[in-house]
């Protein structure tokens, strides 16, 4: 079952999808400009983190 959550509500271990690729959240940290840095568990490519506006919604599995 999936649910939509705001980026600011993500917790470590959440399984999300970015551009159709499954990811697992390692940590989140707030930045000064209303954004969050999401560190990801290492996947099959070189994407280790992403910065998103805190009001963005993502699907969590």
C-alpha atoms as a PDB file:
ATOM      1  CA  UNK A   1       0.000   0.000   0.000  1.00  0.00           C
ATOM      2  CA  UNK A   2       1.335   3.432  -0.900  1.00  0.00           C
ATOM      3  CA  UNK A   3       0.648   6.756   0.748  1.00  0.00           C
ATOM      4  CA  UNK A   4       1.492  10.343  -0.172  1.00  0.00           C
ATOM      5  CA  UNK A   5       3.611  12.247   2.355  1.00  0.00           C
ATOM      6  CA  UNK A   6       5.306  15.611   2.390  1.00  0.00           C
ATOM      7  CA  UNK A   7       9.078  15.497   2.091  1.00  0.00           C
ATOM      8  CA  UNK A   8       9.379  16.982   5.591  1.00  0.00           C
ATOM      9  CA  UNK A   9       7.512  13.941   7.004  1.00  0.00           C
ATOM     10  CA  UNK A  10       9.911  11.316   5.604  1.00  0.00           C
ATOM     11  CA  UNK A  11      11.706   9.112   8.117  1.00  0.00           C
ATOM     12  CA  UNK A  12      14.718   6.802   7.749  1.00  0.00           C
ATOM     13  CA  UNK A  13      13.718   3.545   6.105  1.00  0.00           C
ATOM     14  CA  UNK A  14      10.859   5.014   4.056  1.00  0.00           C
ATOM     15  CA  UNK A  15      10.768   3.483   0.578  1.00  0.00           C
ATOM     16  CA  UNK A  16      10.116   6.174  -2.012  1.00  0.00           C
ATOM     17  CA  UNK A  17      10.146   6.439  -5.782  1.00  0.00           C
ATOM     18  CA  UNK A  18      12.136   9.163  -7.563  1.00  0.00           C
ATOM     19  CA  UNK A  19      11.577   9.392 -11.303  1.00  0.00           C
ATOM     20  CA  UNK A  20      10.291   5.820 -11.282  1.00  0.00           C
ATOM     21  CA  UNK A  21      13.331   4.423  -9.461  1.00  0.00           C
ATOM     22  CA  UNK A  22      12.814   2.910  -5.990  1.00  0.00           C
ATOM     23  CA  UNK A  23      14.882   4.506  -3.219  1.00  0.00           C
ATOM     24  CA  UNK A  24      15.263   4.166   0.549  1.00  0.00           C
ATOM     25  CA  UNK A  25      15.640   7.218   2.805  1.00  0.00           C
ATOM     26  CA  UNK A  26      18.735   7.194   5.030  1.00  0.00           C
ATOM     27  CA  UNK A  27      18.457  10.658   6.627  1.00  0.00           C
ATOM     28  CA  UNK A  28      16.833  14.036   6.090  1.00  0.00           C
ATOM     29  CA  UNK A  29      18.156  17.448   7.076  1.00  0.00           C
ATOM     30  CA  UNK A  30      16.668  20.914   6.776  1.00  0.00           C
ATOM     31  CA  UNK A  31      18.388  23.586   4.734  1.00  0.00           C
ATOM     32  CA  UNK A  32      18.011  27.330   5.296  1.00  0.00           C
ATOM     33  CA  UNK A  33      15.887  28.003   2.211  1.00  0.00           C
ATOM     34  CA  UNK A  34      12.751  25.945   2.993  1.00  0.00           C
ATOM     35  CA  UNK A  35      14.246  22.816   1.451  1.00  0.00           C
ATOM     36  CA  UNK A  36      15.306  19.419   2.734  1.00  0.00           C
ATOM     37  CA  UNK A  37      18.309  17.323   1.822  1.00  0.00           C
ATOM     38  CA  UNK A  38      17.376  13.653   1.605  1.00  0.00           C
ATOM     39  CA  UNK A  39      20.288  11.241   1.884  1.00  0.00           C
ATOM     40  CA  UNK A  40      19.528   7.942   0.179  1.00  0.00           C
ATOM     41  CA  UNK A  41      20.724   4.414   0.803  1.00  0.00           C
ATOM     42  CA  UNK A  42      23.172   3.495  -1.939  1.00  0.00           C
ATOM     43  CA  UNK A  43      21.431   2.166  -5.031  1.00  0.00           C
ATOM     44  CA  UNK A  44      22.477   0.910  -8.446  1.00  0.00           C
ATOM     45  CA  UNK A  45      23.549   4.372  -9.613  1.00  0.00           C
ATOM     46  CA  UNK A  46      25.465   7.361  -8.266  1.00  0.00           C
ATOM     47  CA  UNK A  47      22.513   9.224  -6.726  1.00  0.00           C
ATOM     48  CA  UNK A  48      23.250   9.527  -2.995  1.00  0.00           C
ATOM     49  CA  UNK A  49      21.159  12.563  -2.093  1.00  0.00           C
ATOM     50  CA  UNK A  50      18.493  14.867  -3.448  1.00  0.00           C
ATOM     51  CA  UNK A  51      17.333  18.333  -2.366  1.00  0.00           C
ATOM     52  CA  UNK A  52      13.597  19.033  -2.549  1.00  0.00           C
ATOM     53  CA  UNK A  53      11.248  21.770  -1.388  1.00  0.00           C
ATOM     54  CA  UNK A  54       9.667  20.688   1.898  1.00  0.00           C
ATOM     55  CA  UNK A  55       6.139  21.051   0.457  1.00  0.00           C
ATOM     56  CA  UNK A  56       6.697  18.408  -2.252  1.00  0.00           C
ATOM     57  CA  UNK A  57       4.688  15.200  -1.829  1.00  0.00           C
ATOM     58  CA  UNK A  58       6.196  11.784  -2.557  1.00  0.00           C
ATOM     59  CA  UNK A  59       4.703   8.309  -2.598  1.00  0.00           C
ATOM     60  CA  UNK A  60       5.944   6.061   0.195  1.00  0.00           C
ATOM     61  CA  UNK A  61       5.588   2.291  -0.156  1.00  0.00           C
END
